[in-house]
Amino acid sequence: MTSRTDLTLRLTEQERTGLTALAAGLRSVAETDLSEEDAMIAALELALTRLIEDFEVPDTKARDEVQRARDNLRAHWVRGSATL
């Protein structure tokens, strides 16, 4: 069973345009219908991965939290076509 939490984001026009473009790009690459919500989750997964692989997070507790969150996100990935 998948649980969900509704979240409201307030985006600027430029941020909304960027999210729309990201969704369009992912749809093209994945050759499947992906929503802007899928694109936001893909961006979150990429951000967590970049924190792990490209940056040295100095706080051990924060680094562990990032790693666990990314691993948990991937383990329960329901948007597999929306990965970057």
PDB file of N, CA and C in Angstrom:
ATOM      1  N   MET A   1       0.841  -1.177   0.000  1.00  0.00           N
ATOM      2  CA  MET A   1       0.000   0.000   0.000  1.00  0.00           C
ATOM      3  C   MET A   1       0.886   1.240   0.000  1.00  0.00           C
ATOM      4  N   THR A   2       0.571   2.165  -0.851  1.00  0.00           N
ATOM      5  CA  THR A   2       1.319   3.413  -0.946  1.00  0.00           C
ATOM      6  C   THR A   2       0.568   4.512  -0.217  1.00  0.00           C
ATOM      7  N   SER A   3       1.248   5.193   0.673  1.00  0.00           N
ATOM      8  CA  SER A   3       0.624   6.331   1.339  1.00  0.00           C
ATOM      9  C   SER A   3       1.062   7.599   0.624  1.00  0.00           C
ATOM     10  N   ARG A   4       0.227   8.599   0.686  1.00  0.00           N
ATOM     11  CA  ARG A   4       0.521   9.854   0.010  1.00  0.00           C
ATOM     12  C   ARG A   4       0.277  11.011   0.964  1.00  0.00           C
ATOM     13  N   THR A   5       1.017  12.053   0.757  1.00  0.00           N
ATOM     14  CA  THR A   5       0.813  13.304   1.467  1.00  0.00           C
ATOM     15  C   THR A   5       0.655  14.391   0.425  1.00  0.00           C
ATOM     16  N   ASP A   6      -0.409  15.139   0.504  1.00  0.00           N
ATOM     17  CA  ASP A   6      -0.600  16.246  -0.420  1.00  0.00           C
ATOM     18  C   ASP A   6       0.225  17.428   0.046  1.00  0.00           C
ATOM     19  N   LEU A   7       0.855  18.074  -0.904  1.00  0.00           N
ATOM     20  CA  LEU A   7       1.742  19.186  -0.625  1.00  0.00           C
ATOM     21  C   LEU A   7       1.440  20.288  -1.620  1.00  0.00           C
ATOM     22  N   THR A   8       1.352  21.500  -1.157  1.00  0.00           N
ATOM     23  CA  THR A   8       1.112  22.630  -2.039  1.00  0.00           C
ATOM     24  C   THR A   8       2.407  23.417  -2.192  1.00  0.00           C
ATOM     25  N   LEU A   9       2.802  23.642  -3.436  1.00  0.00           N
ATOM     26  CA  LEU A   9       3.996  24.438  -3.729  1.00  0.00           C
ATOM     27  C   LEU A   9       3.572  25.746  -4.369  1.00  0.00           C
ATOM     28  N   ARG A  10       4.215  26.805  -3.986  1.00  0.00           N
ATOM     29  CA  ARG A  10       3.996  28.100  -4.618  1.00  0.00           C
ATOM     30  C   ARG A  10       5.223  28.387  -5.467  1.00  0.00           C
ATOM     31  N   LEU A  11       5.022  28.380  -6.760  1.00  0.00           N
ATOM     32  CA  LEU A  11       6.130  28.558  -7.688  1.00  0.00           C
ATOM     33  C   LEU A  11       5.998  29.878  -8.420  1.00  0.00           C
ATOM     34  N   THR A  12       7.139  30.473  -8.719  1.00  0.00           N
ATOM     35  CA  THR A  12       7.129  31.654  -9.563  1.00  0.00           C
ATOM     36  C   THR A  12       6.820  31.215 -10.989  1.00  0.00           C
ATOM     37  N   GLU A  13       6.545  32.166 -11.846  1.00  0.00           N
ATOM     38  CA  GLU A  13       6.274  31.844 -13.249  1.00  0.00           C
ATOM     39  C   GLU A  13       7.478  31.139 -13.880  1.00  0.00           C
ATOM     40  N   GLN A  14       8.675  31.594 -13.554  1.00  0.00           N
ATOM     41  CA  GLN A  14       9.882  30.986 -14.102  1.00  0.00           C
ATOM     42  C   GLN A  14      10.076  29.558 -13.594  1.00  0.00           C
ATOM     43  N   GLU A  15       9.800  29.340 -12.312  1.00  0.00           N
ATOM     44  CA  GLU A  15       9.916  27.991 -11.751  1.00  0.00           C
ATOM     45  C   GLU A  15       8.893  27.051 -12.377  1.00  0.00           C
ATOM     46  N   ARG A  16       7.690  27.542 -12.566  1.00  0.00           N
ATOM     47  CA  ARG A  16       6.634  26.749 -13.205  1.00  0.00           C
ATOM     48  C   ARG A  16       7.019  26.405 -14.640  1.00  0.00           C
ATOM     49  N   THR A  17       7.589  27.364 -15.349  1.00  0.00           N
ATOM     50  CA  THR A  17       8.050  27.117 -16.718  1.00  0.00           C
ATOM     51  C   THR A  17       9.146  26.061 -16.726  1.00  0.00           C
ATOM     52  N   GLY A  18      10.054  26.139 -15.769  1.00  0.00           N
ATOM     53  CA  GLY A  18      11.122  25.149 -15.663  1.00  0.00           C
ATOM     54  C   GLY A  18      10.586  23.757 -15.378  1.00  0.00           C
ATOM     55  N   LEU A  19       9.608  23.658 -14.482  1.00  0.00           N
ATOM     56  CA  LEU A  19       9.011  22.366 -14.155  1.00  0.00           C
ATOM     57  C   LEU A  19       8.265  21.788 -15.356  1.00  0.00           C
ATOM     58  N   THR A  20       7.568  22.631 -16.082  1.00  0.00           N
ATOM     59  CA  THR A  20       6.865  22.189 -17.288  1.00  0.00           C
ATOM     60  C   THR A  20       7.857  21.679 -18.330  1.00  0.00           C
ATOM     61  N   ALA A  21       8.975  22.385 -18.484  1.00  0.00           N
ATOM     62  CA  ALA A  21      10.007  21.957 -19.434  1.00  0.00           C
ATOM     63  C   ALA A  21      10.653  20.647 -18.993  1.00  0.00           C
ATOM     64  N   LEU A  22      10.898  20.492 -17.692  1.00  0.00           N
ATOM     65  CA  LEU A  22      11.465  19.246 -17.184  1.00  0.00           C
ATOM     66  C   LEU A  22      10.533  18.072 -17.472  1.00  0.00           C
ATOM     67  N   ALA A  23       9.249  18.246 -17.238  1.00  0.00           N
ATOM     68  CA  ALA A  23       8.281  17.193 -17.519  1.00  0.00           C
ATOM     69  C   ALA A  23       8.266  16.854 -19.003  1.00  0.00           C
ATOM     70  N   ALA A  24       8.316  17.860 -19.862  1.00  0.00           N
ATOM     71  CA  ALA A  24       8.330  17.620 -21.310  1.00  0.00           C
ATOM     72  C   ALA A  24       9.576  16.852 -21.721  1.00  0.00           C
ATOM     73  N   GLY A  25      10.724  17.231 -21.167  1.00  0.00           N
ATOM     74  CA  GLY A  25      11.968  16.533 -21.473  1.00  0.00           C
ATOM     75  C   GLY A  25      11.955  15.094 -21.006  1.00  0.00           C
ATOM     76  N   LEU A  26      11.453  14.858 -19.797  1.00  0.00           N
ATOM     77  CA  LEU A  26      11.361  13.491 -19.280  1.00  0.00           C
ATOM     78  C   LEU A  26      10.404  12.639 -20.111  1.00  0.00           C
ATOM     79  N   ARG A  27       9.275  13.238 -20.524  1.00  0.00           N
ATOM     80  CA  ARG A  27       8.340  12.490 -21.380  1.00  0.00           C
ATOM     81  C   ARG A  27       9.016  12.070 -22.672  1.00  0.00           C
ATOM     82  N   SER A  28       9.817  12.963 -23.229  1.00  0.00           N
ATOM     83  CA  SER A  28      10.513  12.673 -24.477  1.00  0.00           C
ATOM     84  C   SER A  28      11.551  11.575 -24.299  1.00  0.00           C
ATOM     85  N   VAL A  29      12.333  11.658 -23.239  1.00  0.00           N
ATOM     86  CA  VAL A  29      13.382  10.668 -22.976  1.00  0.00           C
ATOM     87  C   VAL A  29      12.785   9.314 -22.607  1.00  0.00           C
ATOM     88  N   ALA A  30      11.780   9.314 -21.742  1.00  0.00           N
ATOM     89  CA  ALA A  30      11.193   8.067 -21.247  1.00  0.00           C
ATOM     90  C   ALA A  30      10.177   7.477 -22.234  1.00  0.00           C
ATOM     91  N   GLU A  31       9.771   8.285 -23.199  1.00  0.00           N
ATOM     92  CA  GLU A  31       8.763   7.876 -24.175  1.00  0.00           C
ATOM     93  C   GLU A  31       7.513   7.326 -23.494  1.00  0.00           C
ATOM     94  N   THR A  32       7.088   8.039 -22.451  1.00  0.00           N
ATOM     95  CA  THR A  32       5.880   7.685 -21.723  1.00  0.00           C
ATOM     96  C   THR A  32       5.276   8.959 -21.151  1.00  0.00           C
ATOM     97  N   ASP A  33       4.022   8.886 -20.790  1.00  0.00           N
ATOM     98  CA  ASP A  33       3.322  10.053 -20.276  1.00  0.00           C
ATOM     99  C   ASP A  33       3.692  10.294 -18.820  1.00  0.00           C
ATOM    100  N   LEU A  34       4.426  11.360 -18.562  1.00  0.00           N
ATOM    101  CA  LEU A  34       4.832  11.720 -17.205  1.00  0.00           C
ATOM    102  C   LEU A  34       4.271  13.096 -16.867  1.00  0.00           C
ATOM    103  N   SER A  35       3.862  13.249 -15.634  1.00  0.00           N
ATOM    104  CA  SER A  35       3.281  14.514 -15.183  1.00  0.00           C
ATOM    105  C   SER A  35       4.356  15.432 -14.609  1.00  0.00           C
ATOM    106  N   GLU A  36       3.948  16.641 -14.314  1.00  0.00           N
ATOM    107  CA  GLU A  36       4.851  17.568 -13.641  1.00  0.00           C
ATOM    108  C   GLU A  36       5.160  17.071 -12.233  1.00  0.00           C
ATOM    109  N   GLU A  37       4.225  16.380 -11.619  1.00  0.00           N
ATOM    110  CA  GLU A  37       4.476  15.772 -10.308  1.00  0.00           C
ATOM    111  C   GLU A  37       5.597  14.733 -10.419  1.00  0.00           C
ATOM    112  N   ASP A  38       5.552  13.904 -11.475  1.00  0.00           N
ATOM    113  CA  ASP A  38       6.621  12.931 -11.714  1.00  0.00           C
ATOM    114  C   ASP A  38       7.963  13.643 -11.892  1.00  0.00           C
ATOM    115  N   ALA A  39       7.948  14.747 -12.623  1.00  0.00           N
ATOM    116  CA  ALA A  39       9.173  15.506 -12.863  1.00  0.00           C
ATOM    117  C   ALA A  39       9.741  16.066 -11.566  1.00  0.00           C
ATOM    118  N   MET A  40       8.875  16.523 -10.672  1.00  0.00           N
ATOM    119  CA  MET A  40       9.336  17.053  -9.389  1.00  0.00           C
ATOM    120  C   MET A  40       9.993  15.953  -8.558  1.00  0.00           C
ATOM    121  N   ILE A  41       9.425  14.758  -8.575  1.00  0.00           N
ATOM    122  CA  ILE A  41      10.003  13.638  -7.825  1.00  0.00           C
ATOM    123  C   ILE A  41      11.344  13.236  -8.427  1.00  0.00           C
ATOM    124  N   ALA A  42      11.447  13.244  -9.750  1.00  0.00           N
ATOM    125  CA  ALA A  42      12.714  12.934 -10.411  1.00  0.00           C
ATOM    126  C   ALA A  42      13.779  13.954 -10.020  1.00  0.00           C
ATOM    127  N   ALA A  43      13.395  15.219  -9.941  1.00  0.00           N
ATOM    128  CA  ALA A  43      14.342  16.266  -9.548  1.00  0.00           C
ATOM    129  C   ALA A  43      14.781  16.075  -8.097  1.00  0.00           C
ATOM    130  N   LEU A  44      13.862  15.675  -7.231  1.00  0.00           N
ATOM    131  CA  LEU A  44      14.197  15.404  -5.839  1.00  0.00           C
ATOM    132  C   LEU A  44      15.194  14.255  -5.732  1.00  0.00           C
ATOM    133  N   GLU A  45      14.938  13.182  -6.478  1.00  0.00           N
ATOM    134  CA  GLU A  45      15.848  12.029  -6.464  1.00  0.00           C
ATOM    135  C   GLU A  45      17.235  12.436  -6.961  1.00  0.00           C
ATOM    136  N   LEU A  46      17.277  13.244  -8.007  1.00  0.00           N
ATOM    137  CA  LEU A  46      18.559  13.710  -8.534  1.00  0.00           C
ATOM    138  C   LEU A  46      19.284  14.597  -7.526  1.00  0.00           C
ATOM    139  N   ALA A  47      18.555  15.466  -6.848  1.00  0.00           N
ATOM    140  CA  ALA A  47      19.171  16.337  -5.841  1.00  0.00           C
ATOM    141  C   ALA A  47      19.771  15.532  -4.704  1.00  0.00           C
ATOM    142  N   LEU A  48      19.048  14.517  -4.231  1.00  0.00           N
ATOM    143  CA  LEU A  48      19.579  13.662  -3.166  1.00  0.00           C
ATOM    144  C   LEU A  48      20.822  12.913  -3.639  1.00  0.00           C
ATOM    145  N   THR A  49      20.773  12.408  -4.856  1.00  0.00           N
ATOM    146  CA  THR A  49      21.918  11.695  -5.421  1.00  0.00           C
ATOM    147  C   THR A  49      23.126  12.617  -5.552  1.00  0.00           C
ATOM    148  N   ARG A  50      22.914  13.840  -6.017  1.00  0.00           N
ATOM    149  CA  ARG A  50      24.025  14.787  -6.151  1.00  0.00           C
ATOM    150  C   ARG A  50      24.634  15.115  -4.798  1.00  0.00           C
ATOM    151  N   LEU A  51      23.795  15.250  -3.774  1.00  0.00           N
ATOM    152  CA  LEU A  51      24.327  15.509  -2.435  1.00  0.00           C
ATOM    153  C   LEU A  51      25.220  14.365  -1.975  1.00  0.00           C
ATOM    154  N   ILE A  52      24.847  13.140  -2.314  1.00  0.00           N
ATOM    155  CA  ILE A  52      25.613  11.963  -1.912  1.00  0.00           C
ATOM    156  C   ILE A  52      26.892  11.822  -2.723  1.00  0.00           C
ATOM    157  N   GLU A  53      26.780  11.979  -4.035  1.00  0.00           N
ATOM    158  CA  GLU A  53      27.891  11.658  -4.929  1.00  0.00           C
ATOM    159  C   GLU A  53      28.811  12.831  -5.260  1.00  0.00           C
ATOM    160  N   ASP A  54      28.274  14.052  -5.283  1.00  0.00           N
ATOM    161  CA  ASP A  54      29.054  15.190  -5.771  1.00  0.00           C
ATOM    162  C   ASP A  54      29.484  16.177  -4.693  1.00  0.00           C
ATOM    163  N   PHE A  55      28.880  16.088  -3.527  1.00  0.00           N
ATOM    164  CA  PHE A  55      29.187  17.044  -2.467  1.00  0.00           C
ATOM    165  C   PHE A  55      29.569  16.305  -1.197  1.00  0.00           C
ATOM    166  N   GLU A  56      30.408  16.897  -0.430  1.00  0.00           N
ATOM    167  CA  GLU A  56      30.812  16.323   0.855  1.00  0.00           C
ATOM    168  C   GLU A  56      29.988  17.011   1.943  1.00  0.00           C
ATOM    169  N   VAL A  57      28.855  16.417   2.290  1.00  0.00           N
ATOM    170  CA  VAL A  57      28.001  16.982   3.338  1.00  0.00           C
ATOM    171  C   VAL A  57      28.748  16.812   4.652  1.00  0.00           C
ATOM    172  N   PRO A  58      29.155  17.902   5.301  1.00  0.00           N
ATOM    173  CA  PRO A  58      30.024  17.796   6.470  1.00  0.00           C
ATOM    174  C   PRO A  58      29.351  17.202   7.708  1.00  0.00           C
ATOM    175  N   ASP A  59      28.052  17.404   7.858  1.00  0.00           N
ATOM    176  CA  ASP A  59      27.349  16.900   9.025  1.00  0.00           C
ATOM    177  C   ASP A  59      26.993  15.428   8.800  1.00  0.00           C
ATOM    178  N   THR A  60      27.555  14.542   9.618  1.00  0.00           N
ATOM    179  CA  THR A  60      27.351  13.104   9.462  1.00  0.00           C
ATOM    180  C   THR A  60      25.880  12.734   9.560  1.00  0.00           C
ATOM    181  N   LYS A  61      25.182  13.331  10.503  1.00  0.00           N
ATOM    182  CA  LYS A  61      23.759  13.038  10.679  1.00  0.00           C
ATOM    183  C   LYS A  61      22.965  13.443   9.433  1.00  0.00           C
ATOM    184  N   ALA A  62      23.259  14.621   8.900  1.00  0.00           N
ATOM    185  CA  ALA A  62      22.571  15.088   7.691  1.00  0.00           C
ATOM    186  C   ALA A  62      22.910  14.198   6.501  1.00  0.00           C
ATOM    187  N   ARG A  63      24.173  13.824   6.359  1.00  0.00           N
ATOM    188  CA  ARG A  63      24.599  12.950   5.262  1.00  0.00           C
ATOM    189  C   ARG A  63      23.887  11.606   5.329  1.00  0.00           C
ATOM    190  N   ASP A  64      23.786  11.031   6.532  1.00  0.00           N
ATOM    191  CA  ASP A  64      23.075   9.768   6.711  1.00  0.00           C
ATOM    192  C   ASP A  64      21.590   9.912   6.375  1.00  0.00           C
ATOM    193  N   GLU A  65      21.008  11.023   6.767  1.00  0.00           N
ATOM    194  CA  GLU A  65      19.589  11.273   6.470  1.00  0.00           C
ATOM    195  C   GLU A  65      19.353  11.352   4.968  1.00  0.00           C
ATOM    196  N   VAL A  66      20.239  12.042   4.268  1.00  0.00           N
ATOM    197  CA  VAL A  66      20.132  12.161   2.808  1.00  0.00           C
ATOM    198  C   VAL A  66      20.241  10.778   2.158  1.00  0.00           C
ATOM    199  N   GLN A  67      21.214   9.991   2.597  1.00  0.00           N
ATOM    200  CA  GLN A  67      21.420   8.649   2.040  1.00  0.00           C
ATOM    201  C   GLN A  67      20.194   7.761   2.278  1.00  0.00           C
ATOM    202  N   ARG A  68      19.674   7.768   3.494  1.00  0.00           N
ATOM    203  CA  ARG A  68      18.499   6.945   3.813  1.00  0.00           C
ATOM    204  C   ARG A  68      17.284   7.377   2.993  1.00  0.00           C
ATOM    205  N   ALA A  69      17.093   8.680   2.880  1.00  0.00           N
ATOM    206  CA  ALA A  69      15.941   9.192   2.128  1.00  0.00           C
ATOM    207  C   ALA A  69      16.035   8.798   0.655  1.00  0.00           C
ATOM    208  N   ARG A  70      17.216   8.944   0.063  1.00  0.00           N
ATOM    209  CA  ARG A  70      17.388   8.559  -1.350  1.00  0.00           C
ATOM    210  C   ARG A  70      17.192   7.062  -1.534  1.00  0.00           C
ATOM    211  N   ASP A  71      17.773   6.252  -0.650  1.00  0.00           N
ATOM    212  CA  ASP A  71      17.627   4.799  -0.758  1.00  0.00           C
ATOM    213  C   ASP A  71      16.173   4.376  -0.584  1.00  0.00           C
ATOM    214  N   ASN A  72      15.481   4.995   0.358  1.00  0.00           N
ATOM    215  CA  ASN A  72      14.076   4.683   0.596  1.00  0.00           C
ATOM    216  C   ASN A  72      13.222   5.102  -0.596  1.00  0.00           C
ATOM    217  N   LEU A  73      13.525   6.260  -1.155  1.00  0.00           N
ATOM    218  CA  LEU A  73      12.795   6.727  -2.338  1.00  0.00           C
ATOM    219  C   LEU A  73      12.947   5.725  -3.478  1.00  0.00           C
ATOM    220  N   ARG A  74      14.166   5.279  -3.707  1.00  0.00           N
ATOM    221  CA  ARG A  74      14.417   4.314  -4.786  1.00  0.00           C
ATOM    222  C   ARG A  74      13.804   2.947  -4.496  1.00  0.00           C
ATOM    223  N   ALA A  75      13.825   2.520  -3.239  1.00  0.00           N
ATOM    224  CA  ALA A  75      13.281   1.209  -2.880  1.00  0.00           C
ATOM    225  C   ALA A  75      11.769   1.146  -3.095  1.00  0.00           C
ATOM    226  N   HIS A  76      11.115   2.277  -2.979  1.00  0.00           N
ATOM    227  CA  HIS A  76       9.669   2.338  -3.132  1.00  0.00           C
ATOM    228  C   HIS A  76       9.290   3.158  -4.365  1.00  0.00           C
ATOM    229  N   TRP A  77      10.147   3.122  -5.360  1.00  0.00           N
ATOM    230  CA  TRP A  77       9.984   3.957  -6.555  1.00  0.00           C
ATOM    231  C   TRP A  77       8.771   3.544  -7.346  1.00  0.00           C
ATOM    232  N   VAL A  78       7.791   4.420  -7.417  1.00  0.00           N
ATOM    233  CA  VAL A  78       6.589   4.160  -8.209  1.00  0.00           C
ATOM    234  C   VAL A  78       6.629   4.936  -9.520  1.00  0.00           C
ATOM    235  N   ARG A  79       7.640   5.754  -9.683  1.00  0.00           N
ATOM    236  CA  ARG A  79       7.754   6.584 -10.886  1.00  0.00           C
ATOM    237  C   ARG A  79       9.045   6.237 -11.624  1.00  0.00           C
ATOM    238  N   GLY A  80       9.287   4.960 -11.804  1.00  0.00           N
ATOM    239  CA  GLY A  80      10.539   4.487 -12.356  1.00  0.00           C
ATOM    240  C   GLY A  80      10.920   5.073 -13.683  1.00  0.00           C
ATOM    241  N   SER A  81       9.946   5.462 -14.505  1.00  0.00           N
ATOM    242  CA  SER A  81      10.253   6.051 -15.799  1.00  0.00           C
ATOM    243  C   SER A  81      10.686   7.509 -15.684  1.00  0.00           C
ATOM    244  N   ALA A  82      10.564   8.078 -14.494  1.00  0.00           N
ATOM    245  CA  ALA A  82      10.839   9.503 -14.320  1.00  0.00           C
ATOM    246  C   ALA A  82      12.197   9.746 -13.679  1.00  0.00           C
ATOM    247  N   THR A  83      13.123   8.868 -13.892  1.00  0.00           N
ATOM    248  CA  THR A  83      14.441   9.067 -13.285  1.00  0.00           C
ATOM    249  C   THR A  83      15.350   9.857 -14.224  1.00  0.00           C
ATOM    250  N   LEU A  84      16.258  10.609 -13.662  1.00  0.00           N
ATOM    251  CA  LEU A  84      17.169  11.412 -14.481  1.00  0.00           C
ATOM    252  C   LEU A  84      18.537  10.762 -14.505  1.00  0.00           C
TER     253      LEU A  84
END
